[in-house]
């Protein structure tokens, strides 16, 4: 009885928004538990609910009963990892475009015929011919 009085006093001190959020979290767990299965399974929308609740509701750990708080944090880390893997994937092969074999042969020929020319001089001569190529690419 004394425990219930303390809980009632604590609830009276909470803001209405916190009480509504706590009630929403508890109701969501009831929905999961009411599913006709021996062991209730969480769907992706249930996991998303807890991810949002963990970001918006400061006392989300106190209302969580059906899974451990560490599980929700693991879902969050897994989601961010998947998101950044998706964002960082190579698009179109990545890296620099390859130069044509003809241009490669022209660079080699210019280097053979003009042994005193360096990579910047060959790159400048190619630029005058209309080839846009980096001096570092010429060096390679």
C-alpha atoms as a PDB file:
ATOM      1  CA  UNK A   1       0.000   0.000   0.000  1.00  0.00           C
ATOM      2  CA  UNK A   2       2.791   2.370   0.911  1.00  0.00           C
ATOM      3  CA  UNK A   3       4.492   1.673  -2.433  1.00  0.00           C
ATOM      4  CA  UNK A   4       1.343   2.685  -4.337  1.00  0.00           C
ATOM      5  CA  UNK A   5       1.130   5.954  -2.421  1.00  0.00           C
ATOM      6  CA  UNK A   6       4.723   6.790  -3.330  1.00  0.00           C
ATOM      7  CA  UNK A   7       4.061   5.955  -6.976  1.00  0.00           C
ATOM      8  CA  UNK A   8       0.899   8.087  -6.981  1.00  0.00           C
ATOM      9  CA  UNK A   9       2.801  11.020  -5.448  1.00  0.00           C
ATOM     10  CA  UNK A  10       5.560  10.635  -8.034  1.00  0.00           C
ATOM     11  CA  UNK A  11       2.968  10.543 -10.844  1.00  0.00           C
ATOM     12  CA  UNK A  12       1.377  13.743  -9.538  1.00  0.00           C
ATOM     13  CA  UNK A  13       4.734  15.502  -9.783  1.00  0.00           C
ATOM     14  CA  UNK A  14       5.332  14.423 -13.376  1.00  0.00           C
ATOM     15  CA  UNK A  15       4.267  16.647 -16.207  1.00  0.00           C
ATOM     16  CA  UNK A  16       1.285  15.649 -18.299  1.00  0.00           C
ATOM     17  CA  UNK A  17       3.455  15.103 -21.379  1.00  0.00           C
ATOM     18  CA  UNK A  18       5.649  12.632 -19.487  1.00  0.00           C
ATOM     19  CA  UNK A  19       2.615  10.749 -18.242  1.00  0.00           C
ATOM     20  CA  UNK A  20       1.207  10.553 -21.758  1.00  0.00           C
ATOM     21  CA  UNK A  21       4.554   9.309 -23.115  1.00  0.00           C
ATOM     22  CA  UNK A  22       4.821   6.709 -20.356  1.00  0.00           C
ATOM     23  CA  UNK A  23       1.251   5.572 -20.999  1.00  0.00           C
ATOM     24  CA  UNK A  24       1.969   5.327 -24.734  1.00  0.00           C
ATOM     25  CA  UNK A  25       5.061   3.186 -24.100  1.00  0.00           C
ATOM     26  CA  UNK A  26       3.173   0.846 -21.803  1.00  0.00           C
ATOM     27  CA  UNK A  27       0.258   0.546 -24.236  1.00  0.00           C
ATOM     28  CA  UNK A  28       2.621  -0.303 -27.075  1.00  0.00           C
ATOM     29  CA  UNK A  29       3.996  -3.189 -25.038  1.00  0.00           C
ATOM     30  CA  UNK A  30       0.459  -4.383 -24.320  1.00  0.00           C
ATOM     31  CA  UNK A  31      -0.226  -4.448 -28.057  1.00  0.00           C
ATOM     32  CA  UNK A  32       2.845  -6.637 -28.567  1.00  0.00           C
ATOM     33  CA  UNK A  33       1.889  -8.955 -25.723  1.00  0.00           C
ATOM     34  CA  UNK A  34      -1.715  -9.331 -26.968  1.00  0.00           C
ATOM     35  CA  UNK A  35      -0.584 -10.848 -30.247  1.00  0.00           C
ATOM     36  CA  UNK A  36      -1.673 -14.481 -30.485  1.00  0.00           C
ATOM     37  CA  UNK A  37       1.727 -16.103 -30.175  1.00  0.00           C
ATOM     38  CA  UNK A  38       3.447 -18.096 -27.442  1.00  0.00           C
ATOM     39  CA  UNK A  39       6.431 -15.795 -27.491  1.00  0.00           C
ATOM     40  CA  UNK A  40       5.571 -12.358 -28.839  1.00  0.00           C
ATOM     41  CA  UNK A  41       7.857 -11.249 -31.624  1.00  0.00           C
ATOM     42  CA  UNK A  42       8.696  -7.662 -32.276  1.00  0.00           C
ATOM     43  CA  UNK A  43       8.070  -6.304 -35.735  1.00  0.00           C
ATOM     44  CA  UNK A  44      10.105  -3.599 -37.394  1.00  0.00           C
ATOM     45  CA  UNK A  45       7.485  -0.976 -36.532  1.00  0.00           C
ATOM     46  CA  UNK A  46       7.737  -1.985 -32.844  1.00  0.00           C
ATOM     47  CA  UNK A  47      11.493  -1.589 -32.991  1.00  0.00           C
ATOM     48  CA  UNK A  48      11.128   1.807 -34.686  1.00  0.00           C
ATOM     49  CA  UNK A  49       8.691   2.886 -31.965  1.00  0.00           C
ATOM     50  CA  UNK A  50      11.280   2.149 -29.285  1.00  0.00           C
ATOM     51  CA  UNK A  51      14.030   3.859 -31.224  1.00  0.00           C
ATOM     52  CA  UNK A  52      11.935   7.027 -31.460  1.00  0.00           C
ATOM     53  CA  UNK A  53      10.864   6.720 -27.828  1.00  0.00           C
ATOM     54  CA  UNK A  54      14.474   6.390 -26.728  1.00  0.00           C
ATOM     55  CA  UNK A  55      15.275   9.664 -28.488  1.00  0.00           C
ATOM     56  CA  UNK A  56      12.198  11.652 -27.400  1.00  0.00           C
ATOM     57  CA  UNK A  57      11.224  10.293 -23.987  1.00  0.00           C
ATOM     58  CA  UNK A  58      13.880  10.596 -21.260  1.00  0.00           C
ATOM     59  CA  UNK A  59      12.382   7.900 -18.982  1.00  0.00           C
ATOM     60  CA  UNK A  60      11.965   5.259 -21.681  1.00  0.00           C
ATOM     61  CA  UNK A  61      14.111   2.744 -19.801  1.00  0.00           C
ATOM     62  CA  UNK A  62      11.755   2.776 -16.809  1.00  0.00           C
ATOM     63  CA  UNK A  63       8.750   1.756 -18.893  1.00  0.00           C
ATOM     64  CA  UNK A  64      10.484  -0.940 -20.948  1.00  0.00           C
ATOM     65  CA  UNK A  65       9.415  -4.442 -19.893  1.00  0.00           C
ATOM     66  CA  UNK A  66       9.446  -6.810 -22.896  1.00  0.00           C
ATOM     67  CA  UNK A  67      13.083  -6.238 -23.955  1.00  0.00           C
ATOM     68  CA  UNK A  68      16.236  -4.987 -22.298  1.00  0.00           C
ATOM     69  CA  UNK A  69      17.254  -1.340 -22.784  1.00  0.00           C
ATOM     70  CA  UNK A  70      20.582  -2.550 -24.176  1.00  0.00           C
ATOM     71  CA  UNK A  71      18.622  -4.311 -26.936  1.00  0.00           C
ATOM     72  CA  UNK A  72      17.052  -1.018 -28.018  1.00  0.00           C
ATOM     73  CA  UNK A  73      20.471   0.613 -28.038  1.00  0.00           C
ATOM     74  CA  UNK A  74      21.821  -2.276 -30.133  1.00  0.00           C
ATOM     75  CA  UNK A  75      18.974  -1.746 -32.635  1.00  0.00           C
ATOM     76  CA  UNK A  76      19.908   1.925 -32.788  1.00  0.00           C
ATOM     77  CA  UNK A  77      23.586   1.171 -33.438  1.00  0.00           C
ATOM     78  CA  UNK A  78      22.675  -1.439 -36.047  1.00  0.00           C
ATOM     79  CA  UNK A  79      20.391   1.051 -37.811  1.00  0.00           C
ATOM     80  CA  UNK A  80      23.064   3.756 -37.926  1.00  0.00           C
ATOM     81  CA  UNK A  81      25.604   1.239 -39.179  1.00  0.00           C
ATOM     82  CA  UNK A  82      23.262   0.193 -41.985  1.00  0.00           C
ATOM     83  CA  UNK A  83      22.491   3.822 -42.810  1.00  0.00           C
ATOM     84  CA  UNK A  84      26.157   4.828 -43.098  1.00  0.00           C
ATOM     85  CA  UNK A  85      26.981   1.680 -45.050  1.00  0.00           C
ATOM     86  CA  UNK A  86      24.243   2.676 -47.499  1.00  0.00           C
ATOM     87  CA  UNK A  87      25.474   6.280 -47.662  1.00  0.00           C
ATOM     88  CA  UNK A  88      29.100   5.256 -48.155  1.00  0.00           C
ATOM     89  CA  UNK A  89      28.590   2.645 -50.836  1.00  0.00           C
ATOM     90  CA  UNK A  90      30.483   3.123 -54.047  1.00  0.00           C
ATOM     91  CA  UNK A  91      28.443   4.778 -56.730  1.00  0.00           C
ATOM     92  CA  UNK A  92      29.400   4.070 -60.294  1.00  0.00           C
ATOM     93  CA  UNK A  93      32.546   2.159 -59.404  1.00  0.00           C
ATOM     94  CA  UNK A  94      34.153   5.002 -57.472  1.00  0.00           C
ATOM     95  CA  UNK A  95      37.590   6.455 -57.945  1.00  0.00           C
ATOM     96  CA  UNK A  96      39.032   8.230 -60.934  1.00  0.00           C
ATOM     97  CA  UNK A  97      38.073   7.474 -64.489  1.00  0.00           C
ATOM     98  CA  UNK A  98      40.589   5.338 -66.308  1.00  0.00           C
ATOM     99  CA  UNK A  99      42.529   6.955 -69.105  1.00  0.00           C
ATOM    100  CA  UNK A 100      42.345   5.399 -72.540  1.00  0.00           C
ATOM    101  CA  UNK A 101      45.101   3.045 -73.721  1.00  0.00           C
ATOM    102  CA  UNK A 102      45.882   5.437 -76.595  1.00  0.00           C
ATOM    103  CA  UNK A 103      46.489   8.314 -74.183  1.00  0.00           C
ATOM    104  CA  UNK A 104      48.599   6.046 -71.977  1.00  0.00           C
ATOM    105  CA  UNK A 105      50.739   5.112 -74.983  1.00  0.00           C
ATOM    106  CA  UNK A 106      51.050   8.807 -75.970  1.00  0.00           C
ATOM    107  CA  UNK A 107      52.330   9.637 -72.472  1.00  0.00           C
ATOM    108  CA  UNK A 108      54.881   6.828 -72.652  1.00  0.00           C
ATOM    109  CA  UNK A 109      56.026   7.962 -76.105  1.00  0.00           C
ATOM    110  CA  UNK A 110      56.405  11.593 -74.953  1.00  0.00           C
ATOM    111  CA  UNK A 111      58.444  10.424 -71.955  1.00  0.00           C
ATOM    112  CA  UNK A 112      60.674   8.242 -74.166  1.00  0.00           C
ATOM    113  CA  UNK A 113      61.264  10.914 -76.810  1.00  0.00           C
ATOM    114  CA  UNK A 114      61.807  13.718 -74.279  1.00  0.00           C
ATOM    115  CA  UNK A 115      63.766  12.277 -71.346  1.00  0.00           C
ATOM    116  CA  UNK A 116      64.283  15.680 -69.696  1.00  0.00           C
ATOM    117  CA  UNK A 117      60.557  16.365 -69.414  1.00  0.00           C
ATOM    118  CA  UNK A 118      58.947  15.675 -66.062  1.00  0.00           C
ATOM    119  CA  UNK A 119      55.366  14.846 -65.242  1.00  0.00           C
ATOM    120  CA  UNK A 120      54.285  18.504 -65.117  1.00  0.00           C
ATOM    121  CA  UNK A 121      55.778  19.317 -68.518  1.00  0.00           C
ATOM    122  CA  UNK A 122      54.110  16.284 -70.113  1.00  0.00           C
ATOM    123  CA  UNK A 123      50.828  17.220 -68.437  1.00  0.00           C
ATOM    124  CA  UNK A 124      51.140  20.790 -69.760  1.00  0.00           C
ATOM    125  CA  UNK A 125      51.816  19.545 -73.292  1.00  0.00           C
ATOM    126  CA  UNK A 126      48.793  17.222 -73.072  1.00  0.00           C
ATOM    127  CA  UNK A 127      46.677  20.151 -71.860  1.00  0.00           C
ATOM    128  CA  UNK A 128      47.697  22.115 -74.960  1.00  0.00           C
ATOM    129  CA  UNK A 129      46.561  19.161 -77.064  1.00  0.00           C
ATOM    130  CA  UNK A 130      43.172  19.245 -75.293  1.00  0.00           C
ATOM    131  CA  UNK A 131      43.594  16.357 -72.828  1.00  0.00           C
ATOM    132  CA  UNK A 132      42.548  17.180 -69.292  1.00  0.00           C
ATOM    133  CA  UNK A 133      44.745  14.969 -67.146  1.00  0.00           C
ATOM    134  CA  UNK A 134      46.447  15.327 -63.775  1.00  0.00           C
ATOM    135  CA  UNK A 135      50.234  15.399 -63.430  1.00  0.00           C
ATOM    136  CA  UNK A 136      49.967  12.662 -60.815  1.00  0.00           C
ATOM    137  CA  UNK A 137      48.249  10.431 -63.382  1.00  0.00           C
ATOM    138  CA  UNK A 138      51.089  11.132 -65.817  1.00  0.00           C
ATOM    139  CA  UNK A 139      53.591  10.140 -63.111  1.00  0.00           C
ATOM    140  CA  UNK A 140      51.838   6.820 -62.565  1.00  0.00           C
END
